[in-house]
Amino acid sequence: MRVLAVDPGSKRVGLAISDPSGTIAQPLITIDAEPAETLAARLAEIAEQKEVKRIVVGLPRRMDGSYGPEAKTARELGDAVRKASGLPVELVDERLTTVAAERSMLAAGDKRAKRRAGVDQVAAALLLQSHLDRKR
């Protein structure tokens, strides 16, 4: 079953998708976070187009494990996507996924512009792969 991962941000939202067996994650696209009022509907539409059966949303936590205002926003997005899509939505700890994505893209020799454009979807893919591995 395909799973869609959402790495929410204030400006951009990175998306990744699993293969049909739910084993391997790959970056999908990056979409604008604004307008926030339509974000859940846009994500639900992508989920329908890609025939996903479950959605995971990155839940930002601080290094000490506490939650900040970004976590509240992620929870609200998760609830809105659940309502808009009718699919199960799970919140998943996303600590350090963006840092890991930036490091891997830097190690691959990607130029700054390419890193900026793709880091959110790579972070979503790392988030999703970690989630899929835990579920196995």
Protein backbone atom coordinates (compact mmCIF):
# COMPACT_ATOMS: atom_id res chain seq x y z
CA MET A 1 0.00 0.00 0.00
CA ARG A 2 1.31 3.43 -0.95
CA VAL A 3 2.07 5.91 1.81
CA LEU A 4 2.45 9.67 1.36
CA ALA A 5 4.78 11.61 3.67
CA VAL A 6 4.36 15.31 4.36
CA ASP A 7 7.25 17.40 5.72
CA PRO A 8 5.47 20.63 6.68
CA GLY A 9 7.20 23.98 6.67
CA SER A 10 6.14 27.59 6.88
CA LYS A 11 7.05 28.31 3.23
CA ARG A 12 7.33 24.93 1.52
CA VAL A 13 5.95 21.45 2.13
CA GLY A 14 7.99 18.48 0.99
CA LEU A 15 6.25 15.31 -0.15
CA ALA A 16 7.52 11.78 -0.59
CA ILE A 17 5.76 8.60 -1.60
CA SER A 18 6.38 4.92 -1.08
CA ASP A 19 6.41 2.25 -3.73
CA PRO A 20 3.19 0.21 -4.04
CA SER A 21 4.47 -2.37 -1.53
CA GLY A 22 5.12 0.30 1.11
CA THR A 23 8.80 -0.61 1.32
CA ILE A 24 10.85 2.11 -0.38
CA ALA A 25 10.39 5.89 -0.08
CA GLN A 26 11.24 8.35 -2.81
CA PRO A 27 11.00 12.15 -3.02
CA LEU A 28 7.89 13.35 -4.83
CA ILE A 29 7.44 17.14 -5.03
CA THR A 30 7.60 20.33 -3.04
CA ILE A 31 4.51 22.52 -2.84
CA ASP A 32 3.92 25.98 -1.43
CA ALA A 33 2.61 26.10 2.11
CA GLU A 34 0.52 29.14 1.23
CA PRO A 35 -2.34 29.63 1.05
CA ALA A 36 -2.62 27.67 4.26
CA GLU A 37 -6.41 27.51 3.93
CA THR A 38 -6.15 25.21 0.90
CA LEU A 39 -3.12 23.14 1.93
CA ALA A 40 -5.07 20.19 3.35
CA ALA A 41 -7.30 20.01 0.26
CA ARG A 42 -4.27 20.16 -2.05
CA LEU A 43 -2.59 17.36 -0.10
CA ALA A 44 -5.78 15.28 -0.18
CA GLU A 45 -5.96 15.77 -3.96
CA ILE A 46 -2.36 14.59 -4.40
CA ALA A 47 -3.07 11.59 -2.16
CA GLU A 48 -6.06 10.66 -4.32
CA GLN A 49 -4.12 11.10 -7.57
CA LYS A 50 -1.28 8.91 -6.28
CA GLU A 51 -3.70 6.33 -4.85
CA VAL A 52 -2.18 6.37 -1.36
CA LYS A 53 -3.85 4.56 1.52
CA ARG A 54 -2.14 6.30 4.44
CA ILE A 55 -0.48 9.65 5.12
CA VAL A 56 2.29 10.46 7.59
CA VAL A 57 2.90 14.04 8.67
CA GLY A 58 6.20 15.12 10.19
CA LEU A 59 5.83 16.29 13.78
CA PRO A 60 8.61 18.72 14.69
CA ARG A 61 10.04 18.15 18.14
CA ARG A 62 12.81 19.96 19.90
CA MET A 63 16.00 18.10 20.71
CA ASP A 64 14.87 17.71 24.34
CA GLY A 65 11.69 15.99 23.09
CA SER A 66 9.36 18.88 23.87
CA TYR A 67 6.93 20.41 21.41
CA GLY A 68 6.92 23.99 20.14
CA PRO A 69 4.43 26.03 18.14
CA GLU A 70 5.44 24.23 14.93
CA ALA A 71 4.15 20.97 16.43
CA LYS A 72 0.75 22.53 17.05
CA THR A 73 0.64 23.61 13.40
CA ALA A 74 1.64 20.10 12.26
CA ARG A 75 -1.10 18.52 14.41
CA GLU A 76 -3.68 20.91 12.96
CA LEU A 77 -2.49 20.07 9.45
CA GLY A 78 -2.72 16.35 10.21
CA ASP A 79 -6.31 16.75 11.42
CA ALA A 80 -7.26 18.84 8.38
CA VAL A 81 -5.68 16.35 5.96
CA ARG A 82 -7.49 13.47 7.70
CA LYS A 83 -10.81 15.27 7.26
CA ALA A 84 -10.12 16.34 3.67
CA SER A 85 -8.82 12.96 2.48
CA GLY A 86 -10.72 10.48 4.62
CA LEU A 87 -7.43 8.58 5.01
CA PRO A 88 -5.63 7.54 8.18
CA VAL A 89 -3.02 10.15 9.13
CA GLU A 90 -0.17 9.47 11.52
CA LEU A 91 2.13 12.05 13.07
CA VAL A 92 5.80 11.00 13.02
CA ASP A 93 8.81 12.54 14.78
CA GLU A 94 10.81 14.43 12.18
CA ARG A 95 13.77 15.60 14.24
CA LEU A 96 16.89 16.18 12.14
CA THR A 97 15.39 15.03 8.82
CA THR A 98 16.05 18.38 7.15
CA VAL A 99 19.61 18.45 8.51
CA ALA A 100 20.20 14.91 7.24
CA ALA A 101 18.69 15.80 3.86
CA GLU A 102 20.92 18.86 3.51
CA ARG A 103 24.01 16.84 4.44
CA SER A 104 23.25 14.07 1.97
CA MET A 105 22.61 16.56 -0.84
CA LEU A 106 25.82 18.42 0.03
CA ALA A 107 27.76 15.15 0.03
CA ALA A 108 26.29 14.37 -3.39
CA GLY A 109 27.70 17.65 -4.68
CA ASP A 110 24.36 19.33 -5.28
CA LYS A 111 24.61 23.08 -5.82
CA ARG A 112 22.94 25.47 -3.39
CA ALA A 113 19.94 26.21 -5.65
CA LYS A 114 19.26 22.50 -6.19
CA ARG A 115 19.56 21.84 -2.45
CA ARG A 116 17.12 24.63 -1.62
CA ALA A 117 14.62 23.35 -4.20
CA GLY A 118 14.81 19.70 -3.16
CA VAL A 119 15.68 19.57 0.51
CA ASP A 120 12.04 19.45 1.67
CA GLN A 121 11.13 16.46 -0.48
CA VAL A 122 14.35 14.65 0.45
CA ALA A 123 13.56 15.31 4.13
CA ALA A 124 10.06 13.87 3.52
CA ALA A 125 11.63 10.79 1.91
CA LEU A 126 13.93 10.28 4.92
CA LEU A 127 10.96 10.69 7.25
CA LEU A 128 8.93 8.19 5.25
CA GLN A 129 11.72 5.63 4.92
CA SER A 130 12.31 5.74 8.67
CA HIS A 131 8.57 5.26 9.25
CA LEU A 132 8.35 2.35 6.79
CA ASP A 133 11.38 0.65 8.35
CA ARG A 134 9.87 0.93 11.85
CA LYS A 135 6.59 -0.57 10.64
CA ARG A 136 8.33 -3.67 9.23
